[in-house]
């Protein structure tokens, strides 16, 4: 490794160049408070590739032949893909116990569900497990699509083999029923795995959303926190365009649409609050209503914002 490569530092122009590049290509936003993280992880990747400058790496990312694969690699380096089974369980319980049965009663199945930004697959697999436990029939009553921009995460999701950290909220009886231990890891049963279809989707490319069909429910939980406000708006309104009237959007408990979009209104379920696309002719709710989301969830006994 050369001395230059060991001492790589982003200057102001290079920082802005990469900041704007990642925002425009995949929606990731690195403000000044994230500049050191951006510099550190880019520099680590440059050393792995034995490149001498940030400009050379920027050229590599933009070069058509190598750009897509390398973009997927650096996204894995820049993002935190922490997740686990049964995360924010009250919301998933509302999906399985209320949203899906209501949609089935209204127009039959299957209810089309998309886990957007699924990371290593714990979220969509949790939905499949909960649906099976509730007596629902995946493939008949519901279809589960899952996507991520990261190829590495999707490979992990398809392998469906997990460490202990993925089970911090998993009831022991469900782990015993749906997983088998193998060499210190836990392998998900084929009876669950076969009900989730994984595909690679960049949320800034809404043209690819059509591959998923018309949607009844979109889960995009703890994903848009990486986006700036304008990118959040674009992504959320792309979701609205794919959802049927009355379809639901489930965000993370620490996320809301306040000052982001008025394309959805709040839906009050028995023990949860979620966003819902208004029925045809209904006026979207004032986006300021999102300010009350965390407080109302706490009052309803749901998991509070973190």
Protein backbone atom coordinates (compact mmCIF):
# COMPACT_ATOMS: atom_id res chain seq x y z
CA UNK A 1 0.00 0.00 0.00
CA UNK A 2 1.35 3.40 -0.91
CA UNK A 3 1.74 6.25 1.58
CA UNK A 4 -0.85 8.23 -0.40
CA UNK A 5 -3.42 5.45 -0.13
CA UNK A 6 -2.84 5.10 3.60
CA UNK A 7 -3.52 8.81 4.22
CA UNK A 8 -6.58 9.40 2.04
CA UNK A 9 -8.66 12.41 3.06
CA UNK A 10 -11.76 13.79 1.37
CA UNK A 11 -11.40 17.44 0.45
CA UNK A 12 -14.51 19.62 0.27
CA UNK A 13 -15.02 19.15 -3.48
CA UNK A 14 -14.63 15.37 -3.23
CA UNK A 15 -17.03 15.22 -0.29
CA UNK A 16 -19.69 17.09 -2.27
CA UNK A 17 -19.01 14.93 -5.33
CA UNK A 18 -19.65 11.67 -3.45
CA UNK A 19 -22.49 13.12 -1.37
CA UNK A 20 -24.37 14.15 -4.51
CA UNK A 21 -23.51 10.92 -6.33
CA UNK A 22 -24.96 8.65 -3.63
CA UNK A 23 -28.03 10.84 -3.25
CA UNK A 24 -28.79 10.74 -6.98
CA UNK A 25 -28.08 7.05 -7.55
CA UNK A 26 -29.52 5.35 -4.45
CA UNK A 27 -30.96 8.00 -2.16
CA UNK A 28 -28.35 7.75 0.59
CA UNK A 29 -27.67 11.12 2.18
CA UNK A 30 -24.41 11.97 3.93
CA UNK A 31 -24.68 15.35 5.61
CA UNK A 32 -21.78 17.06 7.34
CA UNK A 33 -22.40 14.99 10.46
CA UNK A 34 -21.75 11.82 8.40
CA UNK A 35 -18.74 13.13 6.50
CA UNK A 36 -16.16 11.26 8.60
CA UNK A 37 -18.06 7.97 8.21
CA UNK A 38 -18.22 8.50 4.43
CA UNK A 39 -14.50 9.29 4.25
CA UNK A 40 -13.49 6.36 6.45
CA UNK A 41 -15.50 3.74 4.56
CA UNK A 42 -14.61 5.05 1.13
CA UNK A 43 -10.93 5.07 2.07
CA UNK A 44 -11.17 1.49 3.31
CA UNK A 45 -12.64 0.44 -0.04
CA UNK A 46 -9.95 2.32 -1.96
CA UNK A 47 -7.25 0.47 -0.05
CA UNK A 48 -8.93 -2.86 -0.84
CA UNK A 49 -8.91 -1.95 -4.54
CA UNK A 50 -5.38 -0.46 -4.36
CA UNK A 51 -6.58 2.83 -5.81
CA UNK A 52 -4.60 6.03 -5.25
CA UNK A 53 -7.33 8.67 -5.14
CA UNK A 54 -10.99 9.33 -4.49
CA UNK A 55 -11.29 10.65 -8.04
CA UNK A 56 -10.17 7.30 -9.41
CA UNK A 57 -12.80 5.54 -7.33
CA UNK A 58 -15.50 7.97 -8.43
CA UNK A 59 -14.59 7.21 -12.03
CA UNK A 60 -14.84 3.48 -11.31
CA UNK A 61 -18.32 3.89 -9.85
CA UNK A 62 -19.48 5.83 -12.88
CA UNK A 63 -17.91 3.53 -15.45
CA UNK A 64 -20.71 1.52 -17.02
CA UNK A 65 -18.95 -1.85 -17.07
CA UNK A 66 -18.05 -1.92 -13.37
CA UNK A 67 -20.29 0.69 -11.83
CA UNK A 68 -23.31 -1.40 -10.89
CA UNK A 69 -21.42 -4.18 -9.12
CA UNK A 70 -19.14 -1.76 -7.32
CA UNK A 71 -22.07 0.44 -6.35
CA UNK A 72 -23.73 -2.54 -4.68
CA UNK A 73 -20.49 -3.30 -2.83
CA UNK A 74 -19.97 0.20 -1.49
CA UNK A 75 -23.62 0.51 -0.45
CA UNK A 76 -23.06 -2.54 1.73
CA UNK A 77 -20.07 -0.76 3.27
CA UNK A 78 -21.91 2.52 3.85
CA UNK A 79 -25.15 1.28 5.38
CA UNK A 80 -26.02 -0.50 8.60
CA UNK A 81 -28.17 -3.53 7.87
CA UNK A 82 -29.18 -4.40 11.42
CA UNK A 83 -32.47 -6.23 11.72
CA UNK A 84 -34.00 -9.19 13.54
CA UNK A 85 -37.08 -11.38 13.57
CA UNK A 86 -40.30 -9.95 15.04
CA UNK A 87 -38.94 -6.40 15.11
CA UNK A 88 -41.68 -3.92 16.10
CA UNK A 89 -43.98 -6.90 16.52
CA UNK A 90 -47.14 -4.92 17.34
CA UNK A 91 -47.12 -3.51 13.82
CA UNK A 92 -46.68 -6.92 12.21
CA UNK A 93 -49.46 -8.27 14.43
CA UNK A 94 -51.72 -5.51 13.12
CA UNK A 95 -50.79 -6.52 9.56
CA UNK A 96 -51.63 -10.20 10.10
CA UNK A 97 -54.61 -9.83 12.43
CA UNK A 98 -56.32 -6.76 10.94
CA UNK A 99 -55.04 -5.49 7.61
CA UNK A 100 -54.86 -8.80 5.74
CA UNK A 101 -58.23 -10.16 6.99
CA UNK A 102 -59.92 -6.86 6.15
CA UNK A 103 -58.53 -6.86 2.62
CA UNK A 104 -59.55 -10.51 2.16
CA UNK A 105 -63.07 -9.73 3.29
CA UNK A 106 -63.30 -6.74 0.97
CA UNK A 107 -62.11 -8.32 -2.26
CA UNK A 108 -60.55 -11.73 -1.64
CA UNK A 109 -56.92 -12.67 -2.04
CA UNK A 110 -54.13 -12.83 -2.43
CA UNK A 111 -53.14 -9.68 -0.56
CA UNK A 112 -49.97 -8.38 -2.24
CA UNK A 113 -47.31 -7.36 0.30
CA UNK A 114 -43.91 -5.78 -0.36
CA UNK A 115 -41.09 -5.64 2.20
CA UNK A 116 -38.98 -2.82 0.73
CA UNK A 117 -35.45 -2.66 2.06
CA UNK A 118 -35.66 -6.15 3.54
CA UNK A 119 -31.96 -6.43 4.42
CA UNK A 120 -31.13 -10.07 5.27
CA UNK A 121 -34.75 -11.22 5.16
CA UNK A 122 -35.90 -11.30 8.77
CA UNK A 123 -38.89 -9.01 8.15
CA UNK A 124 -40.56 -10.84 5.24
CA UNK A 125 -39.84 -14.21 6.81
CA UNK A 126 -41.45 -13.00 10.04
CA UNK A 127 -44.57 -12.07 8.09
CA UNK A 128 -44.65 -15.54 6.54
CA UNK A 129 -44.23 -17.22 9.94
CA UNK A 130 -46.94 -15.09 11.55
CA UNK A 131 -49.29 -15.69 8.63
CA UNK A 132 -48.82 -19.45 8.85
CA UNK A 133 -49.32 -19.37 12.62
CA UNK A 134 -52.55 -17.41 12.12
CA UNK A 135 -53.93 -19.99 9.70
CA UNK A 136 -53.46 -17.84 6.61
CA UNK A 137 -52.33 -19.48 3.38
CA UNK A 138 -49.32 -17.79 1.76
CA UNK A 139 -49.73 -17.88 -2.00
CA UNK A 140 -53.51 -17.96 -1.67
CA UNK A 141 -54.38 -15.40 1.02
CA UNK A 142 -51.22 -13.33 0.63
CA UNK A 143 -48.10 -12.97 -1.50
CA UNK A 144 -44.88 -11.70 0.01
CA UNK A 145 -42.34 -9.83 -2.12
CA UNK A 146 -39.07 -8.62 -0.60
CA UNK A 147 -36.37 -6.40 -2.04
CA UNK A 148 -33.13 -4.67 -1.21
CA UNK A 149 -30.53 -2.73 -3.16
CA UNK A 150 -27.72 -4.83 -1.66
CA UNK A 151 -26.81 -8.06 -3.39
CA UNK A 152 -24.96 -9.21 -0.29
CA UNK A 153 -28.08 -8.80 1.84
CA UNK A 154 -30.24 -10.60 -0.70
CA UNK A 155 -27.80 -13.51 -0.82
CA UNK A 156 -28.03 -13.79 2.97
CA UNK A 157 -31.81 -13.60 2.82
CA UNK A 158 -32.07 -16.38 0.25
CA UNK A 159 -29.69 -18.56 2.28
CA UNK A 160 -31.98 -18.03 5.32
CA UNK A 161 -29.31 -18.99 7.85
CA UNK A 162 -29.12 -16.82 10.96
CA UNK A 163 -27.05 -16.18 14.09
CA UNK A 164 -28.36 -15.72 17.63
CA UNK A 165 -28.57 -11.93 17.28
CA UNK A 166 -31.45 -12.32 14.83
CA UNK A 167 -33.63 -13.96 17.50
CA UNK A 168 -33.63 -11.36 20.28
CA UNK A 169 -37.43 -10.96 20.01
CA UNK A 170 -38.38 -14.41 18.71
CA UNK A 171 -40.64 -16.58 20.92
CA UNK A 172 -38.67 -19.78 21.66
CA UNK A 173 -41.51 -22.04 20.55
CA UNK A 174 -41.60 -20.40 17.11
CA UNK A 175 -37.86 -20.76 16.66
CA UNK A 176 -38.14 -24.44 17.61
CA UNK A 177 -40.98 -24.93 15.14
CA UNK A 178 -39.60 -23.12 12.11
CA UNK A 179 -35.79 -23.35 12.40
CA UNK A 180 -33.17 -26.07 12.72
CA UNK A 181 -29.77 -25.53 14.29
CA UNK A 182 -26.77 -26.32 12.11
CA UNK A 183 -23.16 -25.66 13.10
CA UNK A 184 -24.07 -22.83 15.46
CA UNK A 185 -26.51 -21.17 13.07
CA UNK A 186 -30.23 -21.51 12.58
CA UNK A 187 -31.64 -22.52 9.18
CA UNK A 188 -35.20 -21.50 8.33
CA UNK A 189 -37.49 -24.26 7.12
CA UNK A 190 -38.33 -24.56 3.44
CA UNK A 191 -42.03 -24.38 4.38
CA UNK A 192 -41.47 -20.72 5.25
CA UNK A 193 -38.72 -19.82 2.77
CA UNK A 194 -40.72 -20.80 -0.30
CA UNK A 195 -43.35 -18.14 0.43
CA UNK A 196 -41.04 -15.12 0.00
CA UNK A 197 -39.88 -13.90 -3.43
CA UNK A 198 -36.71 -11.79 -3.32
CA UNK A 199 -35.60 -9.33 -5.97
CA UNK A 200 -33.13 -6.46 -6.21
CA UNK A 201 -34.80 -3.04 -6.33
CA UNK A 202 -33.36 0.45 -6.01
CA UNK A 203 -36.06 2.59 -4.38
CA UNK A 204 -35.00 5.51 -6.58
CA UNK A 205 -35.99 3.56 -9.70
CA UNK A 206 -39.81 3.39 -9.48
CA UNK A 207 -40.05 1.93 -12.98
CA UNK A 208 -38.91 -1.37 -11.43
CA UNK A 209 -41.76 -1.32 -8.90
CA UNK A 210 -44.04 -2.59 -11.66
CA UNK A 211 -42.36 -5.99 -11.36
CA UNK A 212 -44.20 -6.38 -8.04
CA UNK A 213 -47.67 -5.79 -9.45
CA UNK A 214 -50.38 -3.74 -7.78
CA UNK A 215 -49.74 -3.65 -4.05
CA UNK A 216 -51.99 -3.80 -0.99
CA UNK A 217 -49.31 -3.23 1.65
CA UNK A 218 -45.81 -1.76 1.56
CA UNK A 219 -43.46 -2.14 4.51
CA UNK A 220 -40.51 0.25 4.37
CA UNK A 221 -39.40 0.25 7.97
CA UNK A 222 -36.22 1.95 9.19
CA UNK A 223 -35.09 2.62 5.62
CA UNK A 224 -36.01 6.20 4.74
CA UNK A 225 -34.06 7.46 7.76
CA UNK A 226 -31.04 7.33 5.40
CA UNK A 227 -32.71 9.73 2.91
CA UNK A 228 -32.99 13.49 2.86
CA UNK A 229 -36.48 15.02 2.83
CA UNK A 230 -36.82 15.36 -0.94
CA UNK A 231 -35.74 11.77 -1.54
CA UNK A 232 -38.14 10.57 1.16
CA UNK A 233 -40.94 12.42 -0.62
CA UNK A 234 -40.10 10.88 -3.99
CA UNK A 235 -39.95 7.36 -2.58
CA UNK A 236 -43.12 7.67 -0.50
CA UNK A 237 -45.11 9.08 -3.40
CA UNK A 238 -43.83 6.27 -5.64
CA UNK A 239 -45.24 3.84 -3.06
CA UNK A 240 -48.57 5.65 -3.20
CA UNK A 241 -48.70 5.23 -6.97
CA UNK A 242 -48.27 1.43 -6.65
CA UNK A 243 -50.72 0.94 -3.77
CA UNK A 244 -54.40 0.30 -4.34
CA UNK A 245 -56.79 2.91 -2.89
CA UNK A 246 -57.04 2.07 0.79
CA UNK A 247 -53.67 0.27 0.70
CA UNK A 248 -51.34 0.58 3.68
CA UNK A 249 -47.80 1.86 4.20
CA UNK A 250 -45.95 0.68 7.30
CA UNK A 251 -42.94 2.72 8.37
CA UNK A 252 -40.64 2.17 11.34
CA UNK A 253 -41.88 3.39 14.70
CA UNK A 254 -39.25 6.14 14.69
CA UNK A 255 -40.35 7.42 11.26
CA UNK A 256 -43.24 9.59 10.13
CA UNK A 257 -44.37 11.53 7.07
CA UNK A 258 -44.49 14.86 8.85
CA UNK A 259 -43.30 17.56 6.42
CA UNK A 260 -42.61 14.80 3.87
CA UNK A 261 -45.80 13.86 2.01
CA UNK A 262 -49.58 14.24 2.19
CA UNK A 263 -50.20 11.19 -0.01
CA UNK A 264 -51.28 9.14 3.03
CA UNK A 265 -53.53 9.51 6.02
CA UNK A 266 -53.26 7.88 9.44
CA UNK A 267 -55.29 4.70 9.98
CA UNK A 268 -56.20 3.86 13.58
CA UNK A 269 -56.16 0.11 14.12
CA UNK A 270 -56.90 -1.68 17.39
CA UNK A 271 -53.39 -1.31 18.80
CA UNK A 272 -51.41 0.40 16.04
CA UNK A 273 -51.29 3.42 13.82
CA UNK A 274 -50.20 3.01 10.21
CA UNK A 275 -50.42 5.07 7.04
CA UNK A 276 -53.12 4.43 4.47
CA UNK A 277 -53.62 5.63 0.94
CA UNK A 278 -56.99 7.44 0.87
CA UNK A 279 -59.85 5.80 -0.94
CA UNK A 280 -60.75 7.29 -4.32
CA UNK A 281 -62.13 10.78 -3.81
CA UNK A 282 -60.94 11.10 -0.22
CA UNK A 283 -58.73 14.05 0.68
CA UNK A 284 -55.28 13.19 2.01
CA UNK A 285 -54.73 14.01 5.65
CA UNK A 286 -52.77 17.07 6.72
CA UNK A 287 -49.16 15.83 6.93
CA UNK A 288 -48.82 17.64 10.27
CA UNK A 289 -50.91 14.84 11.77
CA UNK A 290 -47.76 12.73 11.59
CA UNK A 291 -46.34 14.70 14.52
CA UNK A 292 -48.73 12.86 16.83
CA UNK A 293 -47.77 9.42 15.58
CA UNK A 294 -45.25 8.39 18.24
CA UNK A 295 -47.33 9.81 21.10
CA UNK A 296 -50.47 8.04 19.93
CA UNK A 297 -48.59 4.77 19.60
CA UNK A 298 -47.34 5.08 23.15
CA UNK A 299 -50.86 5.80 24.36
CA UNK A 300 -52.11 2.74 22.46
CA UNK A 301 -49.47 0.58 24.16
CA UNK A 302 -47.42 -0.07 21.03
CA UNK A 303 -43.66 -0.02 20.85
CA UNK A 304 -42.48 3.55 21.18
CA UNK A 305 -40.20 5.43 18.86
CA UNK A 306 -36.52 4.80 19.40
